[in-house]
Each structure stands twice: as C-alpha cells, then as structure tokens.
Amino acid sequence: MNLTQGLDDLVVVALVAALAPIVTAVLPGPRVPQVVIFLFGGVLIGPHVLGLAETSAIQLLSNIGLGFLFLLAGYELDPALPATSGTMSRSGWR
C-alpha cells in the first residue's frame, strides 16, 4: 500500500461520513438512523462492491468506528433494565 492510495481511501471514507447526515435528512418517510447510512456507505465503497477503499488501508479507522458503534449502542441501553429483567428471569427459571 502506498501513501497516495491510503489518502485516497481516507478521502472516500470522509466523503461518506460527510454525506451521511445529508442523506439522512433528505430521505422521505420514517427517519433512518445515520449509523445505517454509514454501514451502507461502507459496504458500497468497500472492495466487494465498488472497490474504492481497501480494507488494509483503513483498518485502524475501521476498528475505531466499530468502537464508536458499540459506544452508541451502549448509550441506548437503560441502566434500570437489567435489575427488572433479572428478577423476571429468575422467577421464570424457578
């Protein structure tokens, strides 16, 4: 992998990241989460569809993005939920 190819891959990824909020706002119907647009854009520019970005060039960025995806999913969790579901599951187990 050379430096220009790596920079080209990062520009394509940055373009998808910049266009995702615009695409989310323009789509009609029910609101689609930006994460869905990010994932669809990543699949689209990946090596198996358009081949605009190689996975080896953006591996670190990919791992950071996956960590942020898990972080966002963690924000959606309700901290009180395990306490109530734990008692329900224990009562159902008996």
N, C-alpha and C. Protein backbone atom coordinates (compact mmCIF):
# COMPACT_ATOMS: atom_id res chain seq x y z
N MET A 1 0.85 -1.17 0.00
CA MET A 1 0.00 0.00 0.00
C MET A 1 0.90 1.23 0.00
N ASN A 2 0.65 2.14 -0.91
CA ASN A 2 1.42 3.37 -0.92
C ASN A 2 0.63 4.49 -0.25
N LEU A 3 1.30 5.60 -0.04
CA LEU A 3 0.70 6.71 0.71
C LEU A 3 -0.47 7.34 -0.03
N THR A 4 -0.36 7.49 -1.33
CA THR A 4 -1.46 8.13 -2.06
C THR A 4 -2.72 7.27 -2.06
N GLN A 5 -2.55 5.96 -2.15
CA GLN A 5 -3.72 5.08 -2.09
C GLN A 5 -4.39 5.16 -0.73
N GLY A 6 -3.60 5.21 0.34
CA GLY A 6 -4.15 5.33 1.68
C GLY A 6 -4.89 6.65 1.88
N LEU A 7 -4.34 7.73 1.34
CA LEU A 7 -5.01 9.03 1.44
C LEU A 7 -6.29 9.07 0.61
N ASP A 8 -6.26 8.44 -0.55
CA ASP A 8 -7.47 8.37 -1.38
C ASP A 8 -8.58 7.61 -0.64
N ASP A 9 -8.20 6.51 0.02
CA ASP A 9 -9.18 5.74 0.78
C ASP A 9 -9.77 6.56 1.92
N LEU A 10 -8.94 7.32 2.61
CA LEU A 10 -9.43 8.15 3.71
C LEU A 10 -10.34 9.27 3.20
N VAL A 11 -10.05 9.81 2.03
CA VAL A 11 -10.91 10.85 1.45
C VAL A 11 -12.28 10.27 1.11
N VAL A 12 -12.32 9.07 0.58
CA VAL A 12 -13.59 8.43 0.25
C VAL A 12 -14.39 8.16 1.53
N VAL A 13 -13.73 7.69 2.57
CA VAL A 13 -14.41 7.44 3.85
C VAL A 13 -14.92 8.75 4.45
N ALA A 14 -14.12 9.80 4.37
CA ALA A 14 -14.55 11.10 4.88
C ALA A 14 -15.73 11.63 4.08
N LEU A 15 -15.76 11.37 2.80
CA LEU A 15 -16.87 11.80 1.97
C LEU A 15 -18.17 11.09 2.37
N VAL A 16 -18.09 9.81 2.64
CA VAL A 16 -19.26 9.06 3.12
C VAL A 16 -19.72 9.61 4.47
N ALA A 17 -18.76 9.90 5.35
CA ALA A 17 -19.10 10.43 6.67
C ALA A 17 -19.74 11.81 6.57
N ALA A 18 -19.31 12.61 5.60
CA ALA A 18 -19.88 13.95 5.42
C ALA A 18 -21.26 13.90 4.76
N LEU A 19 -21.46 12.94 3.89
CA LEU A 19 -22.74 12.84 3.18
C LEU A 19 -23.83 12.14 3.97
N ALA A 20 -23.48 11.37 4.98
CA ALA A 20 -24.48 10.60 5.74
C ALA A 20 -25.53 11.48 6.39
N PRO A 21 -25.18 12.58 7.07
CA PRO A 21 -26.25 13.42 7.65
C PRO A 21 -27.15 14.05 6.59
N ILE A 22 -26.58 14.38 5.44
CA ILE A 22 -27.38 14.98 4.38
C ILE A 22 -28.35 13.96 3.80
N VAL A 23 -27.86 12.75 3.57
CA VAL A 23 -28.72 11.68 3.05
C VAL A 23 -29.83 11.36 4.05
N THR A 24 -29.50 11.33 5.34
CA THR A 24 -30.50 11.05 6.37
C THR A 24 -31.58 12.12 6.37
N ALA A 25 -31.21 13.37 6.19
CA ALA A 25 -32.20 14.46 6.21
C ALA A 25 -33.05 14.47 4.95
N VAL A 26 -32.51 14.03 3.82
CA VAL A 26 -33.23 14.11 2.55
C VAL A 26 -34.18 12.93 2.34
N LEU A 27 -33.89 11.78 2.92
CA LEU A 27 -34.72 10.60 2.69
C LEU A 27 -36.15 10.82 3.17
N PRO A 28 -37.13 10.49 2.34
CA PRO A 28 -38.52 10.63 2.77
C PRO A 28 -38.95 9.46 3.65
N GLY A 29 -40.08 9.62 4.29
CA GLY A 29 -40.62 8.55 5.10
C GLY A 29 -40.06 8.57 6.51
N PRO A 30 -40.08 7.41 7.16
CA PRO A 30 -39.58 7.37 8.54
C PRO A 30 -38.08 7.67 8.59
N ARG A 31 -37.66 8.29 9.66
CA ARG A 31 -36.25 8.71 9.80
C ARG A 31 -35.34 7.49 9.94
N VAL A 32 -34.31 7.46 9.12
CA VAL A 32 -33.33 6.38 9.13
C VAL A 32 -32.14 6.83 9.97
N PRO A 33 -31.68 6.01 10.93
CA PRO A 33 -30.51 6.40 11.72
C PRO A 33 -29.26 6.57 10.85
N GLN A 34 -28.40 7.50 11.26
CA GLN A 34 -27.18 7.75 10.49
C GLN A 34 -26.28 6.53 10.44
N VAL A 35 -26.32 5.72 11.48
CA VAL A 35 -25.46 4.53 11.52
C VAL A 35 -25.79 3.61 10.35
N VAL A 36 -27.05 3.52 9.99
CA VAL A 36 -27.44 2.69 8.85
C VAL A 36 -26.83 3.23 7.57
N ILE A 37 -26.82 4.54 7.41
CA ILE A 37 -26.22 5.15 6.22
C ILE A 37 -24.70 4.93 6.22
N PHE A 38 -24.08 5.03 7.40
CA PHE A 38 -22.63 4.76 7.50
C PHE A 38 -22.32 3.32 7.08
N LEU A 39 -23.09 2.37 7.58
CA LEU A 39 -22.84 0.97 7.25
C LEU A 39 -23.08 0.70 5.77
N PHE A 40 -24.17 1.25 5.23
CA PHE A 40 -24.45 1.06 3.81
C PHE A 40 -23.37 1.71 2.95
N GLY A 41 -22.92 2.90 3.33
CA GLY A 41 -21.85 3.57 2.58
C GLY A 41 -20.55 2.80 2.66
N GLY A 42 -20.26 2.22 3.82
CA GLY A 42 -19.04 1.41 3.96
C GLY A 42 -19.06 0.17 3.09
N VAL A 43 -20.22 -0.47 3.03
CA VAL A 43 -20.36 -1.64 2.16
C VAL A 43 -20.24 -1.22 0.69
N LEU A 44 -20.83 -0.09 0.37
CA LEU A 44 -20.81 0.39 -1.01
C LEU A 44 -19.39 0.72 -1.49
N ILE A 45 -18.59 1.38 -0.66
CA ILE A 45 -17.24 1.77 -1.10
C ILE A 45 -16.21 0.68 -0.86
N GLY A 46 -16.60 -0.39 -0.20
CA GLY A 46 -15.68 -1.48 0.12
C GLY A 46 -15.19 -2.23 -1.10
N PRO A 47 -14.28 -3.17 -0.88
CA PRO A 47 -13.65 -3.87 -2.00
C PRO A 47 -14.58 -4.83 -2.75
N HIS A 48 -15.71 -5.21 -2.17
CA HIS A 48 -16.57 -6.19 -2.83
C HIS A 48 -17.64 -5.57 -3.72
N VAL A 49 -17.89 -4.26 -3.58
CA VAL A 49 -18.92 -3.62 -4.42
C VAL A 49 -18.25 -2.67 -5.42
N LEU A 50 -17.86 -1.48 -4.98
CA LEU A 50 -17.24 -0.52 -5.89
C LEU A 50 -15.71 -0.58 -5.87
N GLY A 51 -15.14 -1.07 -4.80
CA GLY A 51 -13.69 -1.19 -4.71
C GLY A 51 -12.97 0.13 -4.57
N LEU A 52 -13.63 1.14 -3.98
CA LEU A 52 -12.98 2.45 -3.83
C LEU A 52 -12.01 2.49 -2.65
N ALA A 53 -12.19 1.62 -1.68
CA ALA A 53 -11.32 1.62 -0.50
C ALA A 53 -10.89 0.19 -0.18
N GLU A 54 -9.62 0.02 0.12
CA GLU A 54 -9.11 -1.29 0.53
C GLU A 54 -9.19 -1.39 2.05
N THR A 55 -9.47 -2.58 2.52
CA THR A 55 -9.60 -2.76 3.97
C THR A 55 -8.27 -2.60 4.70
N SER A 56 -7.17 -2.94 4.06
CA SER A 56 -5.88 -2.82 4.73
C SER A 56 -5.50 -1.36 4.95
N ALA A 57 -5.98 -0.48 4.09
CA ALA A 57 -5.62 0.94 4.19
C ALA A 57 -6.36 1.64 5.32
N ILE A 58 -7.52 1.15 5.69
CA ILE A 58 -8.33 1.83 6.70
C ILE A 58 -8.67 0.93 7.87
N GLN A 59 -7.81 -0.03 8.16
CA GLN A 59 -8.07 -0.99 9.24
C GLN A 59 -8.18 -0.30 10.60
N LEU A 60 -7.28 0.62 10.91
CA LEU A 60 -7.34 1.33 12.20
C LEU A 60 -8.61 2.16 12.30
N LEU A 61 -8.95 2.87 11.23
CA LEU A 61 -10.17 3.67 11.21
C LEU A 61 -11.40 2.78 11.36
N SER A 62 -11.34 1.61 10.78
CA SER A 62 -12.43 0.64 10.90
C SER A 62 -12.63 0.19 12.34
N ASN A 63 -11.54 -0.10 13.02
CA ASN A 63 -11.64 -0.53 14.43
C ASN A 63 -12.15 0.59 15.33
N ILE A 64 -11.73 1.81 15.07
CA ILE A 64 -12.21 2.95 15.86
C ILE A 64 -13.71 3.15 15.61
N GLY A 65 -14.14 3.03 14.37
CA GLY A 65 -15.56 3.16 14.05
C GLY A 65 -16.41 2.09 14.71
N LEU A 66 -15.89 0.88 14.76
CA LEU A 66 -16.62 -0.20 15.44
C LEU A 66 -16.73 0.08 16.93
N GLY A 67 -15.69 0.62 17.51
CA GLY A 67 -15.75 1.00 18.93
C GLY A 67 -16.78 2.08 19.18
N PHE A 68 -16.86 3.08 18.30
CA PHE A 68 -17.87 4.12 18.44
C PHE A 68 -19.27 3.57 18.24
N LEU A 69 -19.43 2.59 17.34
CA LEU A 69 -20.73 1.96 17.15
C LEU A 69 -21.19 1.26 18.43
N PHE A 70 -20.28 0.55 19.08
CA PHE A 70 -20.61 -0.09 20.35
C PHE A 70 -20.91 0.94 21.42
N LEU A 71 -20.18 2.05 21.41
CA LEU A 71 -20.42 3.11 22.38
C LEU A 71 -21.82 3.70 22.20
N LEU A 72 -22.20 3.96 20.95
CA LEU A 72 -23.53 4.49 20.69
C LEU A 72 -24.62 3.49 21.07
N ALA A 73 -24.37 2.22 20.85
CA ALA A 73 -25.34 1.20 21.25
C ALA A 73 -25.45 1.15 22.76
N GLY A 74 -24.37 1.36 23.46
CA GLY A 74 -24.40 1.38 24.92
C GLY A 74 -25.18 2.55 25.48
N TYR A 75 -25.16 3.67 24.78
CA TYR A 75 -25.95 4.83 25.21
C TYR A 75 -27.45 4.56 25.12
N GLU A 76 -27.84 3.64 24.26
CA GLU A 76 -29.25 3.34 24.08
C GLU A 76 -29.80 2.43 25.17
N LEU A 77 -28.93 1.82 25.95
CA LEU A 77 -29.38 0.89 26.99
C LEU A 77 -29.92 1.65 28.20
N ASP A 78 -30.91 1.07 28.81
CA ASP A 78 -31.49 1.63 30.02
C ASP A 78 -30.83 0.96 31.22
N PRO A 79 -30.17 1.72 32.12
CA PRO A 79 -29.48 1.11 33.26
C PRO A 79 -30.42 0.37 34.21
N ALA A 80 -31.67 0.73 34.26
CA ALA A 80 -32.61 0.07 35.16
C ALA A 80 -33.12 -1.25 34.59
N LEU A 81 -32.92 -1.50 33.32
CA LEU A 81 -33.46 -2.68 32.67
C LEU A 81 -32.89 -3.99 33.22
N PRO A 82 -31.59 -4.14 33.45
CA PRO A 82 -31.09 -5.43 33.97
C PRO A 82 -31.65 -5.78 35.35
N ALA A 83 -31.93 -4.79 36.18
CA ALA A 83 -32.47 -5.07 37.51
C ALA A 83 -33.86 -5.68 37.41
N THR A 84 -34.69 -5.15 36.52
CA THR A 84 -36.05 -5.68 36.40
C THR A 84 -36.08 -6.97 35.62
N SER A 85 -35.30 -7.07 34.56
CA SER A 85 -35.32 -8.28 33.76
C SER A 85 -34.63 -9.44 34.50
N GLY A 86 -33.69 -9.12 35.39
CA GLY A 86 -33.04 -10.17 36.17
C GLY A 86 -34.02 -10.83 37.12
N THR A 87 -34.85 -10.06 37.78
CA THR A 87 -35.84 -10.67 38.69
C THR A 87 -36.90 -11.42 37.90
N MET A 88 -37.28 -10.92 36.75
CA MET A 88 -38.25 -11.63 35.94
C MET A 88 -37.69 -12.95 35.44
N SER A 89 -36.44 -12.95 35.04
CA SER A 89 -35.86 -14.20 34.51
C SER A 89 -35.64 -15.20 35.64
N ARG A 90 -35.26 -14.71 36.83
CA ARG A 90 -35.11 -15.64 37.96
C ARG A 90 -36.44 -16.24 38.37
N SER A 91 -37.51 -15.47 38.32
CA SER A 91 -38.81 -16.01 38.69
C SER A 91 -39.30 -16.99 37.63
N GLY A 92 -38.95 -16.76 36.38
CA GLY A 92 -39.35 -17.68 35.31
C GLY A 92 -38.53 -18.95 35.31
N TRP A 93 -37.36 -18.91 35.86
CA TRP A 93 -36.47 -20.09 35.88
C TRP A 93 -36.93 -21.10 36.93
N ARG A 94 -37.55 -20.61 37.99
CA ARG A 94 -37.97 -21.50 39.10
C ARG A 94 -39.14 -22.34 38.74
